[in-house]
């Protein structure tokens, strides 16, 4: 599979998405100031896809970085593909556009290229973005996802977003949208945890059969954030097979792990606030893996996720994720 630095894929609505995206999640709020410089560096080295979210609380920094690179002539707004996300407390149809408009205000953008439902599990609206009860569990809100999707479609019709999709959906949850009477727009993309230890083969096949792109986060294993990530899971980048392939190509295990997913036809999100790593990540287009080595990497799948169990398992719509 030949990939170029500016390689893009056409989504089912005809819009184009760069296959390599730069993530802007910041686990430590005190480090948010680094996000702005990291986004500017990413744009300078060639990234044209920026992945953000309302809940990340870094949209102001991202917006400033993009506007600065527009001002200095590096890019035009239309050169940058920005993904935003509808947070769980905004699933009620009357709140969907409010979330989007707040993101647009923070970014100081006229539109978002891709707006996706961050999770299928709705939480109670309120001042807290992660509302919790006395038992520490999230306070859930039962919302018809089909109504949420209709509000997403209305945002597209209003010109506030170019494309709409979902995140962290399994096959059954996708079917809820796809089988909705009067469906106007199919999801263009489903962003999920996906890496060599959790290849998501069944979900990938399902998405491909419906013309939906799969987009992967945590491609290098995890960010080791103890709030969300199981710290007992083996580190992907230490896997002996992955390291042997990396040695063969004179590349880092991280680059090989990224390239592996790209050659599977998966859109990939990477994240780092380290200048050297950002510069390294864009080099994923400078080599390709043989069919033999792709099969070797396919073989290390263990259907193992890094995201902790139990975050949403009490929600009425909870379904175990598909492999």
Protein backbone atom coordinates (compact mmCIF):
# COMPACT_ATOMS: atom_id res chain seq x y z
CA UNK A 1 0.00 0.00 0.00
CA UNK A 2 1.68 3.21 -1.18
CA UNK A 3 1.30 6.17 1.15
CA UNK A 4 2.52 9.73 0.68
CA UNK A 5 2.92 12.43 3.34
CA UNK A 6 -0.27 14.11 2.17
CA UNK A 7 -2.14 10.80 1.70
CA UNK A 8 -5.87 11.13 2.26
CA UNK A 9 -8.91 8.93 2.04
CA UNK A 10 -12.34 9.76 0.66
CA UNK A 11 -15.14 9.31 3.20
CA UNK A 12 -18.63 8.09 2.32
CA UNK A 13 -19.94 11.67 2.03
CA UNK A 14 -17.29 12.59 -0.53
CA UNK A 15 -15.13 14.64 1.84
CA UNK A 16 -11.42 13.90 2.24
CA UNK A 17 -9.56 13.01 5.45
CA UNK A 18 -5.76 12.84 5.95
CA UNK A 19 -4.83 9.35 7.17
CA UNK A 20 -2.49 10.62 9.89
CA UNK A 21 -3.89 12.87 12.59
CA UNK A 22 -2.30 14.74 15.50
CA UNK A 23 -4.03 14.32 18.87
CA UNK A 24 -4.46 17.12 21.40
CA UNK A 25 -5.57 15.30 24.55
CA UNK A 26 -3.69 16.49 27.63
CA UNK A 27 -3.81 14.24 30.69
CA UNK A 28 -2.21 16.89 32.92
CA UNK A 29 -4.07 20.25 32.86
CA UNK A 30 -0.88 22.04 33.92
CA UNK A 31 0.69 20.99 30.62
CA UNK A 32 -2.00 22.51 28.39
CA UNK A 33 0.28 25.39 27.43
CA UNK A 34 2.50 22.86 25.63
CA UNK A 35 -0.39 21.89 23.37
CA UNK A 36 -0.26 25.14 21.40
CA UNK A 37 3.44 24.79 20.59
CA UNK A 38 3.01 21.10 19.79
CA UNK A 39 0.23 21.82 17.28
CA UNK A 40 2.35 24.49 15.60
CA UNK A 41 5.27 22.04 15.37
CA UNK A 42 2.97 19.36 13.96
CA UNK A 43 1.72 21.70 11.25
CA UNK A 44 5.26 22.81 10.43
CA UNK A 45 6.48 19.23 9.88
CA UNK A 46 3.50 18.29 7.71
CA UNK A 47 0.50 17.23 9.81
CA UNK A 48 -2.78 18.45 8.29
CA UNK A 49 -5.24 16.56 10.49
CA UNK A 50 -5.79 17.76 14.07
CA UNK A 51 -7.90 15.68 16.45
CA UNK A 52 -9.55 17.52 19.35
CA UNK A 53 -12.56 17.32 21.63
CA UNK A 54 -14.72 19.48 23.88
CA UNK A 55 -13.72 17.43 26.94
CA UNK A 56 -9.98 17.86 26.25
CA UNK A 57 -10.24 21.56 27.13
CA UNK A 58 -7.41 22.39 24.72
CA UNK A 59 -9.47 23.88 21.90
CA UNK A 60 -8.41 27.46 22.65
CA UNK A 61 -4.75 26.43 22.36
CA UNK A 62 -5.42 24.48 19.17
CA UNK A 63 -7.30 27.37 17.61
CA UNK A 64 -4.53 29.84 18.41
CA UNK A 65 -1.91 27.53 16.95
CA UNK A 66 -3.83 27.03 13.70
CA UNK A 67 -4.53 30.75 13.33
CA UNK A 68 -0.87 31.58 13.90
CA UNK A 69 0.22 29.16 11.18
CA UNK A 70 -2.39 30.68 8.87
CA UNK A 71 -1.12 34.16 9.69
CA UNK A 72 2.51 33.28 8.89
CA UNK A 73 1.53 31.75 5.55
CA UNK A 74 2.30 28.11 6.39
CA UNK A 75 -1.27 26.96 5.76
CA UNK A 76 -4.76 28.10 4.84
CA UNK A 77 -7.76 27.12 6.94
CA UNK A 78 -8.93 24.72 4.24
CA UNK A 79 -5.59 22.90 4.46
CA UNK A 80 -6.32 21.76 8.01
CA UNK A 81 -8.78 18.98 8.82
CA UNK A 82 -10.06 19.45 12.37
CA UNK A 83 -12.05 16.82 14.29
CA UNK A 84 -14.21 17.86 17.24
CA UNK A 85 -16.31 15.67 19.54
CA UNK A 86 -19.73 15.85 21.14
CA UNK A 87 -19.24 15.15 24.83
CA UNK A 88 -21.48 12.73 26.75
CA UNK A 89 -23.39 15.43 28.67
CA UNK A 90 -24.65 16.98 25.42
CA UNK A 91 -26.47 13.98 23.91
CA UNK A 92 -29.94 15.44 24.33
CA UNK A 93 -30.92 16.73 20.87
CA UNK A 94 -31.44 20.31 22.07
CA UNK A 95 -27.87 20.39 23.46
CA UNK A 96 -25.94 19.00 20.46
CA UNK A 97 -25.60 22.28 18.60
CA UNK A 98 -24.77 24.09 21.86
CA UNK A 99 -21.72 21.85 22.38
CA UNK A 100 -20.63 22.39 18.80
CA UNK A 101 -21.05 26.16 18.99
CA UNK A 102 -19.03 26.30 22.22
CA UNK A 103 -16.21 24.41 20.49
CA UNK A 104 -16.36 26.76 17.49
CA UNK A 105 -16.16 29.73 19.83
CA UNK A 106 -13.12 28.33 21.63
CA UNK A 107 -11.40 27.48 18.35
CA UNK A 108 -12.56 30.69 16.64
CA UNK A 109 -13.40 28.60 13.57
CA UNK A 110 -16.38 29.07 11.26
CA UNK A 111 -16.80 25.31 10.83
CA UNK A 112 -15.44 21.94 11.94
CA UNK A 113 -14.37 19.41 9.33
CA UNK A 114 -15.55 16.37 11.32
CA UNK A 115 -17.82 16.28 14.37
CA UNK A 116 -18.20 12.92 16.10
CA UNK A 117 -20.16 11.56 19.06
CA UNK A 118 -17.39 10.99 21.62
CA UNK A 119 -19.10 8.00 23.27
CA UNK A 120 -22.43 6.23 22.82
CA UNK A 121 -23.08 6.56 26.55
CA UNK A 122 -24.90 9.73 27.62
CA UNK A 123 -24.34 11.36 31.00
CA UNK A 124 -26.59 13.71 32.95
CA UNK A 125 -26.31 17.31 31.67
CA UNK A 126 -24.99 19.79 34.19
CA UNK A 127 -22.01 21.89 35.23
CA UNK A 128 -19.81 18.82 35.65
CA UNK A 129 -18.57 17.11 32.51
CA UNK A 130 -18.10 13.86 34.42
CA UNK A 131 -21.06 13.91 36.83
CA UNK A 132 -20.70 11.22 39.49
CA UNK A 133 -22.98 9.92 42.21
CA UNK A 134 -22.14 8.87 45.77
CA UNK A 135 -20.82 5.50 44.58
CA UNK A 136 -18.36 7.17 42.23
CA UNK A 137 -20.17 5.92 39.14
CA UNK A 138 -21.07 8.30 36.34
CA UNK A 139 -24.64 9.61 36.52
CA UNK A 140 -26.11 8.28 33.30
CA UNK A 141 -28.80 9.82 31.14
CA UNK A 142 -30.97 7.69 28.85
CA UNK A 143 -31.05 9.40 25.46
CA UNK A 144 -32.14 7.91 22.15
CA UNK A 145 -28.95 7.90 20.08
CA UNK A 146 -31.05 8.14 16.94
CA UNK A 147 -32.34 11.53 18.11
CA UNK A 148 -28.80 12.62 18.93
CA UNK A 149 -27.79 11.61 15.41
CA UNK A 150 -30.63 13.64 13.89
CA UNK A 151 -29.29 16.69 15.73
CA UNK A 152 -25.82 15.91 14.34
CA UNK A 153 -27.32 15.77 10.84
CA UNK A 154 -28.92 19.18 11.43
CA UNK A 155 -25.49 20.62 12.30
CA UNK A 156 -24.18 19.35 8.98
CA UNK A 157 -27.14 20.82 7.11
CA UNK A 158 -26.49 24.16 8.85
CA UNK A 159 -22.93 24.21 7.48
CA UNK A 160 -21.33 24.15 10.92
CA UNK A 161 -19.66 20.80 10.19
CA UNK A 162 -18.67 19.15 6.93
CA UNK A 163 -18.84 15.53 8.07
CA UNK A 164 -20.28 13.63 11.03
CA UNK A 165 -19.27 10.39 12.67
CA UNK A 166 -18.93 8.48 15.95
CA UNK A 167 -16.34 7.27 18.43
CA UNK A 168 -16.12 4.21 20.68
CA UNK A 169 -19.14 2.56 19.01
CA UNK A 170 -19.37 -1.19 18.56
CA UNK A 171 -21.23 -2.97 15.76
CA UNK A 172 -24.60 -3.03 17.54
CA UNK A 173 -24.41 0.64 18.41
CA UNK A 174 -23.48 1.50 14.82
CA UNK A 175 -26.47 -0.52 13.64
CA UNK A 176 -28.74 1.66 15.80
CA UNK A 177 -27.70 4.61 13.62
CA UNK A 178 -27.51 2.77 10.30
CA UNK A 179 -30.97 1.24 10.74
CA UNK A 180 -32.60 4.50 11.83
CA UNK A 181 -35.72 5.28 9.78
CA UNK A 182 -35.15 8.35 7.66
CA UNK A 183 -31.36 8.24 8.00
CA UNK A 184 -29.96 11.19 6.06
CA UNK A 185 -26.21 10.76 6.53
CA UNK A 186 -24.28 7.64 7.52
CA UNK A 187 -21.40 8.05 9.97
CA UNK A 188 -18.26 8.61 7.92
CA UNK A 189 -15.92 7.28 10.60
CA UNK A 190 -15.71 5.42 13.91
CA UNK A 191 -12.79 6.37 16.16
CA UNK A 192 -11.83 3.62 18.62
CA UNK A 193 -8.94 2.20 20.60
CA UNK A 194 -7.02 0.07 18.10
CA UNK A 195 -3.44 -1.21 18.05
CA UNK A 196 -1.43 -4.35 17.36
CA UNK A 197 -2.57 -5.90 20.67
CA UNK A 198 -6.25 -5.14 19.88
CA UNK A 199 -6.69 -5.22 16.13
CA UNK A 200 -10.49 -4.86 16.16
CA UNK A 201 -10.80 -7.20 13.17
CA UNK A 202 -14.53 -7.78 13.48
CA UNK A 203 -15.30 -4.08 13.91
CA UNK A 204 -12.97 -3.13 11.05
CA UNK A 205 -14.68 -5.60 8.72
CA UNK A 206 -18.12 -4.32 9.77
CA UNK A 207 -17.13 -0.70 9.18
CA UNK A 208 -15.62 -1.48 5.78
CA UNK A 209 -18.78 -3.33 4.74
CA UNK A 210 -20.79 -0.16 5.43
CA UNK A 211 -18.34 2.31 3.91
CA UNK A 212 -17.29 3.64 7.34
CA UNK A 213 -13.63 4.36 8.06
CA UNK A 214 -12.06 3.05 11.26
CA UNK A 215 -9.82 5.54 13.04
CA UNK A 216 -7.43 4.39 15.74
CA UNK A 217 -6.30 6.05 18.95
CA UNK A 218 -3.80 4.57 21.44
CA UNK A 219 -2.00 3.05 18.46
CA UNK A 220 1.22 2.87 20.46
CA UNK A 221 -0.50 1.12 23.34
CA UNK A 222 -1.55 3.88 25.70
CA UNK A 223 -0.55 7.16 27.30
CA UNK A 224 -0.36 5.36 30.65
CA UNK A 225 -2.86 7.74 32.23
CA UNK A 226 -3.81 5.92 35.46
CA UNK A 227 -7.26 7.52 35.50
CA UNK A 228 -8.27 5.72 32.32
CA UNK A 229 -5.63 3.12 31.51
CA UNK A 230 -5.00 -0.29 33.07
CA UNK A 231 -1.42 -0.04 34.31
CA UNK A 232 -1.03 -3.83 34.48
CA UNK A 233 -1.22 -4.39 30.73
CA UNK A 234 2.12 -5.20 28.99
CA UNK A 235 3.68 -2.34 27.04
CA UNK A 236 3.08 -2.79 23.31
CA UNK A 237 6.29 -1.06 22.26
CA UNK A 238 8.30 -3.67 24.18
CA UNK A 239 6.77 -6.56 22.21
CA UNK A 240 9.60 -8.77 20.80
CA UNK A 241 7.96 -9.30 17.38
CA UNK A 242 7.33 -5.59 16.93
CA UNK A 243 10.91 -4.82 17.94
CA UNK A 244 12.31 -7.45 15.57
CA UNK A 245 10.41 -5.93 12.64
CA UNK A 246 11.53 -2.45 13.68
CA UNK A 247 15.16 -3.58 13.74
CA UNK A 248 14.78 -5.06 10.26
CA UNK A 249 13.59 -1.73 8.84
CA UNK A 250 15.94 0.41 10.95
CA UNK A 251 12.91 2.18 12.41
CA UNK A 252 11.60 2.65 15.92
CA UNK A 253 8.91 0.26 17.22
CA UNK A 254 6.56 3.26 17.39
CA UNK A 255 6.92 3.99 13.67
CA UNK A 256 6.36 0.34 12.76
CA UNK A 257 3.26 0.18 14.98
CA UNK A 258 1.85 3.26 13.21
CA UNK A 259 2.72 1.99 9.75
CA UNK A 260 1.09 -1.37 10.49
CA UNK A 261 -2.28 0.28 11.13
CA UNK A 262 -2.04 2.59 8.12
CA UNK A 263 -1.43 -0.36 5.82
CA UNK A 264 -4.54 -2.06 7.25
CA UNK A 265 -6.54 0.88 5.91
CA UNK A 266 -7.01 2.45 9.34
CA UNK A 267 -6.80 6.22 9.91
CA UNK A 268 -4.31 6.84 12.72
CA UNK A 269 -4.16 9.44 15.52
CA UNK A 270 -0.82 10.05 17.23
CA UNK A 271 -0.09 12.35 20.15
CA UNK A 272 3.05 13.85 21.60
CA UNK A 273 4.08 17.24 22.92
CA UNK A 274 7.73 16.33 22.34
CA UNK A 275 9.22 18.05 19.27
CA UNK A 276 11.54 15.16 18.39
CA UNK A 277 8.74 12.59 18.54
CA UNK A 278 6.44 14.78 16.45
CA UNK A 279 9.14 15.04 13.80
CA UNK A 280 9.67 11.27 13.97
CA UNK A 281 5.98 10.39 13.64
CA UNK A 282 5.59 12.08 10.25
CA UNK A 283 8.33 9.75 8.95
CA UNK A 284 5.77 6.92 8.91
CA UNK A 285 5.34 7.66 5.19
CA UNK A 286 9.03 7.08 4.41
CA UNK A 287 8.87 3.26 4.35
CA UNK A 288 6.44 0.37 3.91
CA UNK A 289 6.08 -3.06 5.47
CA UNK A 290 6.17 -6.27 3.46
CA UNK A 291 3.21 -8.62 3.36
CA UNK A 292 5.21 -11.09 5.45
CA UNK A 293 5.91 -8.53 8.15
CA UNK A 294 2.30 -7.33 8.12
CA UNK A 295 1.21 -10.91 8.84
CA UNK A 296 3.77 -11.19 11.63
CA UNK A 297 2.39 -8.06 13.27
CA UNK A 298 -1.19 -9.22 12.72
CA UNK A 299 -0.21 -12.31 14.67
CA UNK A 300 0.59 -10.50 17.92
CA UNK A 301 -3.06 -9.49 18.40
CA UNK A 302 -4.32 -10.65 21.81
CA UNK A 303 -7.69 -8.83 21.90
CA UNK A 304 -6.29 -6.79 24.76
CA UNK A 305 -7.41 -3.23 25.44
CA UNK A 306 -5.75 -0.57 27.57
CA UNK A 307 -8.84 1.45 28.47
CA UNK A 308 -10.12 0.35 31.86
CA UNK A 309 -13.23 -1.79 32.18
CA UNK A 310 -16.10 -0.50 34.26
CA UNK A 311 -16.24 3.10 33.05
CA UNK A 312 -19.66 2.76 31.45
CA UNK A 313 -20.73 -0.80 32.20
CA UNK A 314 -23.63 0.40 34.36
CA UNK A 315 -25.12 2.44 31.50
CA UNK A 316 -28.43 1.09 30.08
CA UNK A 317 -27.00 1.14 26.55
CA UNK A 318 -23.73 -0.56 27.52
CA UNK A 319 -22.56 -3.30 25.17
CA UNK A 320 -19.27 -5.17 25.31
CA UNK A 321 -17.03 -3.85 22.52
CA UNK A 322 -16.57 -5.99 19.42
CA UNK A 323 -13.14 -7.55 18.83
